[in-house]
C-alpha atoms as a PDB file:
ATOM      1  CA  PRO A   1     -20.978 -20.432   0.533  1.00  0.00           C
ATOM      2  CA  GLY A   2     -20.593 -23.853  -1.046  1.00  0.00           C
ATOM      3  CA  LEU A   3     -24.187 -24.850  -0.432  1.00  0.00           C
ATOM      4  CA  SER A   4     -26.934 -25.146  -2.938  1.00  0.00           C
ATOM      5  CA  GLY A   5     -30.361 -23.497  -2.333  1.00  0.00           C
ATOM      6  CA  THR A   6     -31.875 -26.914  -1.758  1.00  0.00           C
ATOM      7  CA  GLU A   7     -29.289 -27.794   0.933  1.00  0.00           C
ATOM      8  CA  VAL A   8     -29.887 -24.434   2.607  1.00  0.00           C
ATOM      9  CA  CYS A   9     -33.622 -25.157   2.629  1.00  0.00           C
ATOM     10  CA  ARG A  10     -33.054 -28.689   4.006  1.00  0.00           C
ATOM     11  CA  ARG A  11     -30.970 -27.288   6.850  1.00  0.00           C
ATOM     12  CA  LEU A  12     -33.393 -24.544   7.661  1.00  0.00           C
ATOM     13  CA  LYS A  13     -36.358 -26.929   7.800  1.00  0.00           C
ATOM     14  CA  ALA A  14     -34.318 -29.406   9.908  1.00  0.00           C
ATOM     15  CA  ASP A  15     -33.530 -26.806  12.577  1.00  0.00           C
ATOM     16  CA  PRO A  16     -36.495 -26.416  14.982  1.00  0.00           C
ATOM     17  CA  ALA A  17     -35.580 -22.810  15.588  1.00  0.00           C
ATOM     18  CA  LEU A  18     -35.640 -21.982  11.896  1.00  0.00           C
ATOM     19  CA  ALA A  19     -38.187 -24.440  10.457  1.00  0.00           C
ATOM     20  CA  ASP A  20     -40.867 -21.797  10.276  1.00  0.00           C
ATOM     21  CA  VAL A  21     -38.808 -19.430   8.144  1.00  0.00           C
ATOM     22  CA  PRO A  22     -40.636 -19.189   4.807  1.00  0.00           C
ATOM     23  CA  VAL A  23     -38.365 -20.120   1.888  1.00  0.00           C
ATOM     24  CA  VAL A  24     -39.028 -18.821  -1.623  1.00  0.00           C
ATOM     25  CA  PHE A  25     -37.052 -20.386  -4.363  1.00  0.00           C
ATOM     26  CA  VAL A  26     -36.078 -18.264  -7.426  1.00  0.00           C
ATOM     27  CA  THR A  27     -35.145 -20.619 -10.212  1.00  0.00           C
ATOM     28  CA  SER A  28     -34.469 -20.904 -13.898  1.00  0.00           C
ATOM     29  CA  LEU A  29     -35.105 -24.660 -13.852  1.00  0.00           C
ATOM     30  CA  PRO A  30     -38.158 -25.969 -15.691  1.00  0.00           C
ATOM     31  CA  GLU A  31     -41.058 -24.720 -13.544  1.00  0.00           C
ATOM     32  CA  ASP A  32     -42.854 -28.056 -12.873  1.00  0.00           C
ATOM     33  CA  GLY A  33     -39.710 -29.916 -11.716  1.00  0.00           C
ATOM     34  CA  ALA A  34     -38.364 -27.063  -9.682  1.00  0.00           C
ATOM     35  CA  ALA A  35     -41.650 -26.317  -7.997  1.00  0.00           C
ATOM     36  CA  LEU A  36     -42.222 -29.947  -7.062  1.00  0.00           C
ATOM     37  CA  MET A  37     -38.758 -30.385  -5.671  1.00  0.00           C
ATOM     38  CA  SER A  38     -38.863 -27.085  -3.803  1.00  0.00           C
ATOM     39  CA  LEU A  39     -42.271 -27.756  -2.289  1.00  0.00           C
ATOM     40  CA  GLU A  40     -41.258 -31.222  -1.182  1.00  0.00           C
ATOM     41  CA  LEU A  41     -38.358 -29.617   0.670  1.00  0.00           C
ATOM     42  CA  GLY A  42     -40.795 -27.351   2.515  1.00  0.00           C
ATOM     43  CA  ALA A  43     -40.570 -24.209   0.409  1.00  0.00           C
ATOM     44  CA  ALA A  44     -43.404 -21.701   0.697  1.00  0.00           C
ATOM     45  CA  ALA A  45     -43.314 -20.785  -3.001  1.00  0.00           C
ATOM     46  CA  VAL A  46     -41.316 -20.855  -6.213  1.00  0.00           C
ATOM     47  CA  VAL A  47     -40.771 -17.851  -8.523  1.00  0.00           C
ATOM     48  CA  ALA A  48     -39.436 -18.535 -12.005  1.00  0.00           C
ATOM     49  CA  LYS A  49     -36.827 -16.564 -13.842  1.00  0.00           C
ATOM     50  CA  PRO A  50     -36.692 -14.209 -15.654  1.00  0.00           C
ATOM     51  CA  LEU A  51     -37.436 -12.451 -12.396  1.00  0.00           C
ATOM     52  CA  ASP A  52     -40.462 -10.184 -12.197  1.00  0.00           C
ATOM     53  CA  GLU A  53     -39.789  -7.874  -9.236  1.00  0.00           C
ATOM     54  CA  ALA A  54     -43.477  -7.229  -8.554  1.00  0.00           C
ATOM     55  CA  ARG A  55     -44.235 -10.990  -8.526  1.00  0.00           C
ATOM     56  CA  LEU A  56     -41.373 -11.694  -6.184  1.00  0.00           C
ATOM     57  CA  LEU A  57     -42.376  -8.914  -3.785  1.00  0.00           C
ATOM     58  CA  ALA A  58     -46.016 -10.095  -3.841  1.00  0.00           C
ATOM     59  CA  THR A  59     -44.840 -13.663  -3.156  1.00  0.00           C
ATOM     60  CA  VAL A  60     -42.637 -12.592  -0.255  1.00  0.00           C
ATOM     61  CA  ARG A  61     -45.377 -10.414   1.173  1.00  0.00           C
ATOM     62  CA  ALA A  62     -47.837 -13.377   1.101  1.00  0.00           C
ATOM     63  CA  HIS A  63     -45.556 -15.413   3.247  1.00  0.00           C
ATOM     64  CA  LEU A  64     -44.383 -12.844   5.812  1.00  0.00           C
ATOM     65  CA  PRO A  65     -46.314 -12.728   9.026  1.00  0.00           C
ATOM     66  CA  ASP A  66     -45.870  -8.927   9.338  1.00  0.00           C
ATOM     67  CA  ALA A  67     -46.400  -8.191   5.617  1.00  0.00           C
ATOM     68  CA  ALA A  68     -48.883  -5.458   6.503  1.00  0.00           C
ATOM     69  CA  ALA A  69     -46.066  -3.476   8.133  1.00  0.00           C
ATOM     70  CA  LEU A  70     -44.159  -3.261   4.813  1.00  0.00           C
ATOM     71  CA  PRO A  71     -44.800  -0.238   2.642  1.00  0.00           C
ATOM     72  CA  ALA A  72     -46.789  -0.748  -0.539  1.00  0.00           C
ATOM     73  CA  PRO A  73     -44.544  -0.944  -3.674  1.00  0.00           C
ATOM     74  CA  ALA A  74     -45.536   2.516  -4.967  1.00  0.00           C
ATOM     75  CA  ALA A  75     -45.098   4.112  -1.508  1.00  0.00           C
ATOM     76  CA  ALA A  76     -41.816   2.333  -0.998  1.00  0.00           C
ATOM     77  CA  ALA A  77     -40.387   3.736  -4.197  1.00  0.00           C
ATOM     78  CA  ALA A  78     -41.432   7.260  -3.274  1.00  0.00           C
ATOM     79  CA  GLU A  79     -40.678   7.312   0.430  1.00  0.00           C
ATOM     80  CA  THR A  80     -38.244   4.641   1.601  1.00  0.00           C
ATOM     81  CA  PRO A  81     -35.813   2.182   0.100  1.00  0.00           C
ATOM     82  CA  PRO A  82     -37.455  -1.150  -0.756  1.00  0.00           C
ATOM     83  CA  PRO A  83     -37.121  -4.067   1.742  1.00  0.00           C
ATOM     84  CA  ARG A  84     -34.136  -6.345   1.092  1.00  0.00           C
ATOM     85  CA  VAL A  85     -34.570 -10.013   0.351  1.00  0.00           C
ATOM     86  CA  LEU A  86     -31.885 -12.699   0.555  1.00  0.00           C
ATOM     87  CA  ILE A  87     -32.070 -14.792  -2.562  1.00  0.00           C
END
């Protein structure tokens, strides 16, 4: 609470114990400016709003070391609740 996404990213990347946590920004800012700023802060990716759930999930999967362990989107919908993501 009280912190912007950019400040949270700065703090994560400054902490040696958390620096490897992949950060994906979800933004409604103009894509070029937001992407550049986010990547300069160490973000793994930027997803633009309006949010496309499939694109967000694919982006998160691409940056998770254990992504293979997550159920595929179709299987997840049929068998288990989808994984949660803090945005």
